[in-house]
PDB file of N, CA and C in Angstrom:
ATOM      1  N   MET A   1       0.824  -1.175   0.000  1.00  0.00           N
ATOM      2  CA  MET A   1       0.000   0.000   0.000  1.00  0.00           C
ATOM      3  C   MET A   1       0.877   1.252   0.000  1.00  0.00           C
ATOM      4  N   ALA A   2       0.589   2.166  -0.890  1.00  0.00           N
ATOM      5  CA  ALA A   2       1.373   3.396  -0.999  1.00  0.00           C
ATOM      6  C   ALA A   2       1.084   4.313   0.184  1.00  0.00           C
ATOM      7  N   ALA A   3       2.107   5.051   0.567  1.00  0.00           N
ATOM      8  CA  ALA A   3       1.939   6.000   1.668  1.00  0.00           C
ATOM      9  C   ALA A   3       1.004   7.132   1.240  1.00  0.00           C
ATOM     10  N   ALA A   4       0.183   7.562   2.153  1.00  0.00           N
ATOM     11  CA  ALA A   4      -0.734   8.661   1.871  1.00  0.00           C
ATOM     12  C   ALA A   4       0.046   9.968   1.750  1.00  0.00           C
ATOM     13  N   ILE A   5      -0.393  10.811   0.853  1.00  0.00           N
ATOM     14  CA  ILE A   5       0.230  12.120   0.710  1.00  0.00           C
ATOM     15  C   ILE A   5      -0.159  12.974   1.906  1.00  0.00           C
ATOM     16  N   ARG A   6       0.835  13.610   2.495  1.00  0.00           N
ATOM     17  CA  ARG A   6       0.578  14.552   3.586  1.00  0.00           C
ATOM     18  C   ARG A   6       0.663  15.954   3.002  1.00  0.00           C
ATOM     19  N   TRP A   7      -0.179  16.864   3.495  1.00  0.00           N
ATOM     20  CA  TRP A   7      -0.280  18.204   2.943  1.00  0.00           C
ATOM     21  C   TRP A   7       0.102  19.239   3.984  1.00  0.00           C
ATOM     22  N   GLU A   8       0.582  20.371   3.515  1.00  0.00           N
ATOM     23  CA  GLU A   8       0.711  21.551   4.348  1.00  0.00           C
ATOM     24  C   GLU A   8      -0.183  22.622   3.742  1.00  0.00           C
ATOM     25  N   TYR A   9      -0.653  23.520   4.586  1.00  0.00           N
ATOM     26  CA  TYR A   9      -1.665  24.491   4.175  1.00  0.00           C
ATOM     27  C   TYR A   9      -1.203  25.906   4.480  1.00  0.00           C
ATOM     28  N   ALA A  10      -1.719  26.856   3.712  1.00  0.00           N
ATOM     29  CA  ALA A  10      -1.405  28.268   3.923  1.00  0.00           C
ATOM     30  C   ALA A  10      -2.607  29.104   3.518  1.00  0.00           C
ATOM     31  N   THR A  11      -2.639  30.312   4.019  1.00  0.00           N
ATOM     32  CA  THR A  11      -3.655  31.272   3.605  1.00  0.00           C
ATOM     33  C   THR A  11      -2.974  32.599   3.314  1.00  0.00           C
ATOM     34  N   THR A  12      -3.602  33.391   2.475  1.00  0.00           N
ATOM     35  CA  THR A  12      -3.165  34.756   2.228  1.00  0.00           C
ATOM     36  C   THR A  12      -4.384  35.601   1.909  1.00  0.00           C
ATOM     37  N   ASP A  13      -4.305  36.865   2.245  1.00  0.00           N
ATOM     38  CA  ASP A  13      -5.368  37.805   1.910  1.00  0.00           C
ATOM     39  C   ASP A  13      -4.985  38.639   0.690  1.00  0.00           C
ATOM     40  N   SER A  14      -3.792  38.403   0.156  1.00  0.00           N
ATOM     41  CA  SER A  14      -3.269  39.215  -0.941  1.00  0.00           C
ATOM     42  C   SER A  14      -3.282  38.450  -2.265  1.00  0.00           C
ATOM     43  N   PRO A  15      -4.138  38.860  -3.205  1.00  0.00           N
ATOM     44  CA  PRO A  15      -4.129  38.196  -4.513  1.00  0.00           C
ATOM     45  C   PRO A  15      -2.814  38.422  -5.256  1.00  0.00           C
ATOM     46  N   ASP A  16      -2.072  39.464  -4.894  1.00  0.00           N
ATOM     47  CA  ASP A  16      -0.789  39.746  -5.541  1.00  0.00           C
ATOM     48  C   ASP A  16       0.265  38.682  -5.224  1.00  0.00           C
ATOM     49  N   LYS A  17       0.082  37.931  -4.143  1.00  0.00           N
ATOM     50  CA  LYS A  17       1.055  36.903  -3.744  1.00  0.00           C
ATOM     51  C   LYS A  17       0.799  35.547  -4.400  1.00  0.00           C
ATOM     52  N   LEU A  18      -0.333  35.396  -5.100  1.00  0.00           N
ATOM     53  CA  LEU A  18      -0.697  34.077  -5.621  1.00  0.00           C
ATOM     54  C   LEU A  18       0.307  33.537  -6.636  1.00  0.00           C
ATOM     55  N   ASN A  19       0.827  34.371  -7.522  1.00  0.00           N
ATOM     56  CA  ASN A  19       1.824  33.893  -8.489  1.00  0.00           C
ATOM     57  C   ASN A  19       3.098  33.438  -7.795  1.00  0.00           C
ATOM     58  N   GLU A  20       3.532  34.212  -6.805  1.00  0.00           N
ATOM     59  CA  GLU A  20       4.727  33.853  -6.044  1.00  0.00           C
ATOM     60  C   GLU A  20       4.529  32.523  -5.322  1.00  0.00           C
ATOM     61  N   LEU A  21       3.379  32.369  -4.668  1.00  0.00           N
ATOM     62  CA  LEU A  21       3.096  31.124  -3.959  1.00  0.00           C
ATOM     63  C   LEU A  21       2.981  29.952  -4.925  1.00  0.00           C
ATOM     64  N   GLY A  22       2.378  30.177  -6.084  1.00  0.00           N
ATOM     65  CA  GLY A  22       2.288  29.128  -7.097  1.00  0.00           C
ATOM     66  C   GLY A  22       3.662  28.672  -7.549  1.00  0.00           C
ATOM     67  N   ALA A  23       4.596  29.602  -7.698  1.00  0.00           N
ATOM     68  CA  ALA A  23       5.964  29.253  -8.091  1.00  0.00           C
ATOM     69  C   ALA A  23       6.666  28.434  -7.010  1.00  0.00           C
ATOM     70  N   GLU A  24       6.197  28.557  -5.761  1.00  0.00           N
ATOM     71  CA  GLU A  24       6.760  27.791  -4.647  1.00  0.00           C
ATOM     72  C   GLU A  24       6.056  26.444  -4.466  1.00  0.00           C
ATOM     73  N   GLY A  25       5.133  26.122  -5.378  1.00  0.00           N
ATOM     74  CA  GLY A  25       4.474  24.826  -5.324  1.00  0.00           C
ATOM     75  C   GLY A  25       3.113  24.816  -4.662  1.00  0.00           C
ATOM     76  N   TRP A  26       2.614  25.985  -4.236  1.00  0.00           N
ATOM     77  CA  TRP A  26       1.314  26.056  -3.587  1.00  0.00           C
ATOM     78  C   TRP A  26       0.212  26.009  -4.634  1.00  0.00           C
ATOM     79  N   GLU A  27      -0.867  25.320  -4.317  1.00  0.00           N
ATOM     80  CA  GLU A  27      -2.034  25.186  -5.192  1.00  0.00           C
ATOM     81  C   GLU A  27      -3.231  25.842  -4.514  1.00  0.00           C
ATOM     82  N   LEU A  28      -3.898  26.729  -5.239  1.00  0.00           N
ATOM     83  CA  LEU A  28      -5.091  27.384  -4.714  1.00  0.00           C
ATOM     84  C   LEU A  28      -6.227  26.371  -4.668  1.00  0.00           C
ATOM     85  N   VAL A  29      -6.822  26.198  -3.484  1.00  0.00           N
ATOM     86  CA  VAL A  29      -7.896  25.206  -3.338  1.00  0.00           C
ATOM     87  C   VAL A  29      -9.221  25.821  -2.918  1.00  0.00           C
ATOM     88  N   GLY A  30      -9.211  27.113  -2.538  1.00  0.00           N
ATOM     89  CA  GLY A  30     -10.472  27.736  -2.150  1.00  0.00           C
ATOM     90  C   GLY A  30     -10.316  29.220  -1.931  1.00  0.00           C
ATOM     91  N   ILE A  31     -11.441  29.910  -2.017  1.00  0.00           N
ATOM     92  CA  ILE A  31     -11.495  31.347  -1.754  1.00  0.00           C
ATOM     93  C   ILE A  31     -12.668  31.588  -0.822  1.00  0.00           C
ATOM     94  N   GLY A  32     -12.433  32.357   0.226  1.00  0.00           N
ATOM     95  CA  GLY A  32     -13.495  32.694   1.165  1.00  0.00           C
ATOM     96  C   GLY A  32     -13.488  34.182   1.440  1.00  0.00           C
ATOM     97  N   HIS A  33     -14.377  34.615   2.277  1.00  0.00           N
ATOM     98  CA  HIS A  33     -14.465  36.027   2.646  1.00  0.00           C
ATOM     99  C   HIS A  33     -14.073  36.179   4.103  1.00  0.00           C
ATOM    100  N   ALA A  34     -13.257  37.208   4.365  1.00  0.00           N
ATOM    101  CA  ALA A  34     -12.808  37.466   5.734  1.00  0.00           C
ATOM    102  C   ALA A  34     -12.563  38.952   5.901  1.00  0.00           C
ATOM    103  N   GLY A  35     -13.185  39.527   6.893  1.00  0.00           N
ATOM    104  CA  GLY A  35     -12.946  40.930   7.207  1.00  0.00           C
ATOM    105  C   GLY A  35     -13.235  41.879   6.061  1.00  0.00           C
ATOM    106  N   GLY A  36     -14.248  41.607   5.276  1.00  0.00           N
ATOM    107  CA  GLY A  36     -14.598  42.480   4.166  1.00  0.00           C
ATOM    108  C   GLY A  36     -13.774  42.260   2.914  1.00  0.00           C
ATOM    109  N   GLY A  37     -12.866  41.296   2.934  1.00  0.00           N
ATOM    110  CA  GLY A  37     -12.039  40.998   1.764  1.00  0.00           C
ATOM    111  C   GLY A  37     -12.044  39.514   1.473  1.00  0.00           C
ATOM    112  N   GLU A  38     -11.176  39.135   0.570  1.00  0.00           N
ATOM    113  CA  GLU A  38     -11.082  37.722   0.208  1.00  0.00           C
ATOM    114  C   GLU A  38      -9.910  37.077   0.933  1.00  0.00           C
ATOM    115  N   ARG A  39     -10.062  35.809   1.242  1.00  0.00           N
ATOM    116  CA  ARG A  39      -8.979  35.004   1.805  1.00  0.00           C
ATOM    117  C   ARG A  39      -8.785  33.820   0.865  1.00  0.00           C
ATOM    118  N   PHE A  40      -7.528  33.560   0.523  1.00  0.00           N
ATOM    119  CA  PHE A  40      -7.179  32.497  -0.408  1.00  0.00           C
ATOM    120  C   PHE A  40      -6.555  31.340   0.376  1.00  0.00           C
ATOM    121  N   TYR A  41      -7.038  30.137   0.136  1.00  0.00           N
ATOM    122  CA  TYR A  41      -6.583  28.929   0.825  1.00  0.00           C
ATOM    123  C   TYR A  41      -5.768  28.091  -0.143  1.00  0.00           C
ATOM    124  N   LEU A  42      -4.585  27.672   0.314  1.00  0.00           N
ATOM    125  CA  LEU A  42      -3.660  26.947  -0.548  1.00  0.00           C
ATOM    126  C   LEU A  42      -3.154  25.691   0.142  1.00  0.00           C
ATOM    127  N   LYS A  43      -2.686  24.737  -0.674  1.00  0.00           N
ATOM    128  CA  LYS A  43      -2.058  23.530  -0.128  1.00  0.00           C
ATOM    129  C   LYS A  43      -0.937  23.103  -1.063  1.00  0.00           C
ATOM    130  N   ARG A  44      -0.015  22.321  -0.526  1.00  0.00           N
ATOM    131  CA  ARG A  44       1.032  21.675  -1.325  1.00  0.00           C
ATOM    132  C   ARG A  44       1.469  20.424  -0.578  1.00  0.00           C
ATOM    133  N   PRO A  45       2.005  19.457  -1.306  1.00  0.00           N
ATOM    134  CA  PRO A  45       2.462  18.238  -0.633  1.00  0.00           C
ATOM    135  C   PRO A  45       3.566  18.563   0.372  1.00  0.00           C
ATOM    136  N   LEU A  46       3.455  17.967   1.542  1.00  0.00           N
ATOM    137  CA  LEU A  46       4.469  18.142   2.570  1.00  0.00           C
ATOM    138  C   LEU A  46       5.708  17.350   2.158  1.00  0.00           C
ATOM    139  N   PRO A  47       6.866  18.013   2.102  1.00  0.00           N
ATOM    140  CA  PRO A  47       8.071  17.282   1.708  1.00  0.00           C
ATOM    141  C   PRO A  47       8.411  16.177   2.719  1.00  0.00           C
ATOM    142  N   SER A  48       9.019  15.120   2.223  1.00  0.00           N
ATOM    143  CA  SER A  48       9.486  14.052   3.107  1.00  0.00           C
ATOM    144  C   SER A  48      10.621  14.596   3.971  1.00  0.00           C
ATOM    145  N   LEU A  49      10.998  13.842   4.985  1.00  0.00           N
ATOM    146  CA  LEU A  49      12.103  14.253   5.858  1.00  0.00           C
ATOM    147  C   LEU A  49      13.366  14.472   5.026  1.00  0.00           C
ATOM    148  N   ARG A  50      13.636  13.587   4.090  1.00  0.00           N
ATOM    149  CA  ARG A  50      14.826  13.713   3.241  1.00  0.00           C
ATOM    150  C   ARG A  50      14.772  15.013   2.432  1.00  0.00           C
ATOM    151  N   GLU A  51      13.617  15.319   1.844  1.00  0.00           N
ATOM    152  CA  GLU A  51      13.465  16.548   1.068  1.00  0.00           C
ATOM    153  C   GLU A  51      13.577  17.783   1.945  1.00  0.00           C
ATOM    154  N   ARG A  52      13.007  17.743   3.151  1.00  0.00           N
ATOM    155  CA  ARG A  52      13.074  18.897   4.058  1.00  0.00           C
ATOM    156  C   ARG A  52      14.510  19.188   4.456  1.00  0.00           C
ATOM    157  N   ILE A  53      15.278  18.155   4.768  1.00  0.00           N
ATOM    158  CA  ILE A  53      16.677  18.354   5.150  1.00  0.00           C
ATOM    159  C   ILE A  53      17.437  18.954   3.983  1.00  0.00           C
ATOM    160  N   THR A  54      17.223  18.417   2.794  1.00  0.00           N
ATOM    161  CA  THR A  54      17.905  18.935   1.609  1.00  0.00           C
ATOM    162  C   THR A  54      17.525  20.394   1.359  1.00  0.00           C
ATOM    163  N   LEU A  55      16.239  20.726   1.479  1.00  0.00           N
ATOM    164  CA  LEU A  55      15.793  22.101   1.266  1.00  0.00           C
ATOM    165  C   LEU A  55      16.369  23.033   2.319  1.00  0.00           C
ATOM    166  N   ASP A  56      16.408  22.586   3.581  1.00  0.00           N
ATOM    167  CA  ASP A  56      16.985  23.396   4.652  1.00  0.00           C
ATOM    168  C   ASP A  56      18.472  23.643   4.410  1.00  0.00           C
ATOM    169  N   GLN A  57      19.195  22.606   3.988  1.00  0.00           N
ATOM    170  CA  GLN A  57      20.616  22.749   3.716  1.00  0.00           C
ATOM    171  C   GLN A  57      20.842  23.708   2.546  1.00  0.00           C
ATOM    172  N   ARG A  58      20.031  23.600   1.514  1.00  0.00           N
ATOM    173  CA  ARG A  58      20.150  24.480   0.350  1.00  0.00           C
ATOM    174  C   ARG A  58      19.911  25.930   0.769  1.00  0.00           C
ATOM    175  N   LYS A  59      18.881  26.155   1.597  1.00  0.00           N
ATOM    176  CA  LYS A  59      18.585  27.511   2.058  1.00  0.00           C
ATOM    177  C   LYS A  59      19.749  28.075   2.862  1.00  0.00           C
ATOM    178  N   GLN A  60      20.362  27.251   3.717  1.00  0.00           N
ATOM    179  CA  GLN A  60      21.493  27.720   4.519  1.00  0.00           C
ATOM    180  C   GLN A  60      22.661  28.121   3.621  1.00  0.00           C
ATOM    181  N   VAL A  61      22.937  27.326   2.593  1.00  0.00           N
ATOM    182  CA  VAL A  61      24.034  27.636   1.676  1.00  0.00           C
ATOM    183  C   VAL A  61      23.736  28.919   0.913  1.00  0.00           C
ATOM    184  N   LEU A  62      22.499  29.048   0.425  1.00  0.00           N
ATOM    185  CA  LEU A  62      22.133  30.263  -0.319  1.00  0.00           C
ATOM    186  C   LEU A  62      22.191  31.489   0.577  1.00  0.00           C
ATOM    187  N   ASP A  63      21.727  31.371   1.824  1.00  0.00           N
ATOM    188  CA  ASP A  63      21.763  32.495   2.746  1.00  0.00           C
ATOM    189  C   ASP A  63      23.221  32.890   3.053  1.00  0.00           C
ATOM    190  N   ALA A  64      24.084  31.913   3.232  1.00  0.00           N
ATOM    191  CA  ALA A  64      25.486  32.171   3.535  1.00  0.00           C
ATOM    192  C   ALA A  64      26.199  32.801   2.343  1.00  0.00           C
ATOM    193  N   ASP A  65      25.729  32.464   1.127  1.00  0.00           N
ATOM    194  CA  ASP A  65      26.339  32.964  -0.111  1.00  0.00           C
ATOM    195  C   ASP A  65      25.728  34.301  -0.530  1.00  0.00           C
ATOM    196  N   GLY A  66      24.815  34.825   0.263  1.00  0.00           N
ATOM    197  CA  GLY A  66      24.156  36.069  -0.095  1.00  0.00           C
ATOM    198  C   GLY A  66      23.086  35.895  -1.150  1.00  0.00           C
ATOM    199  N   GLY A  67      22.584  34.663  -1.313  1.00  0.00           N
ATOM    200  CA  GLY A  67      21.530  34.405  -2.287  1.00  0.00           C
ATOM    201  C   GLY A  67      22.034  34.167  -3.685  1.00  0.00           C
ATOM    202  N   GLY A  68      23.342  34.029  -3.834  1.00  0.00           N
ATOM    203  CA  GLY A  68      23.926  33.816  -5.162  1.00  0.00           C
ATOM    204  C   GLY A  68      23.658  32.409  -5.675  1.00  0.00           C
ATOM    205  N   ASP A  69      24.081  32.164  -6.886  1.00  0.00           N
ATOM    206  CA  ASP A  69      23.897  30.873  -7.541  1.00  0.00           C
ATOM    207  C   ASP A  69      24.883  29.858  -6.980  1.00  0.00           C
ATOM    208  N   VAL A  70      24.388  28.713  -6.557  1.00  0.00           N
ATOM    209  CA  VAL A  70      25.233  27.642  -6.024  1.00  0.00           C
ATOM    210  C   VAL A  70      25.335  26.548  -7.047  1.00  0.00           C
ATOM    211  N   ARG A  71      26.524  26.140  -7.360  1.00  0.00           N
ATOM    212  CA  ARG A  71      26.738  25.055  -8.344  1.00  0.00           C
ATOM    213  C   ARG A  71      27.505  23.947  -7.710  1.00  0.00           C
TER     214      ARG A  71
END
């Protein structure tokens, strides 16, 4: 039996951030109303432990390099 996909969730009130979030792998799954405006609900697959460690290590290297290109 295959492992079930685990999800992480996010919300934003800014439609201007949707393209940025989409580029980060977030998928828009719903729109609601909050405080007189719209609230956008998003989800993406939760990375495995191996992927999270790799992503964390990559972020540390990029941050240490000033955000430059790492090869």
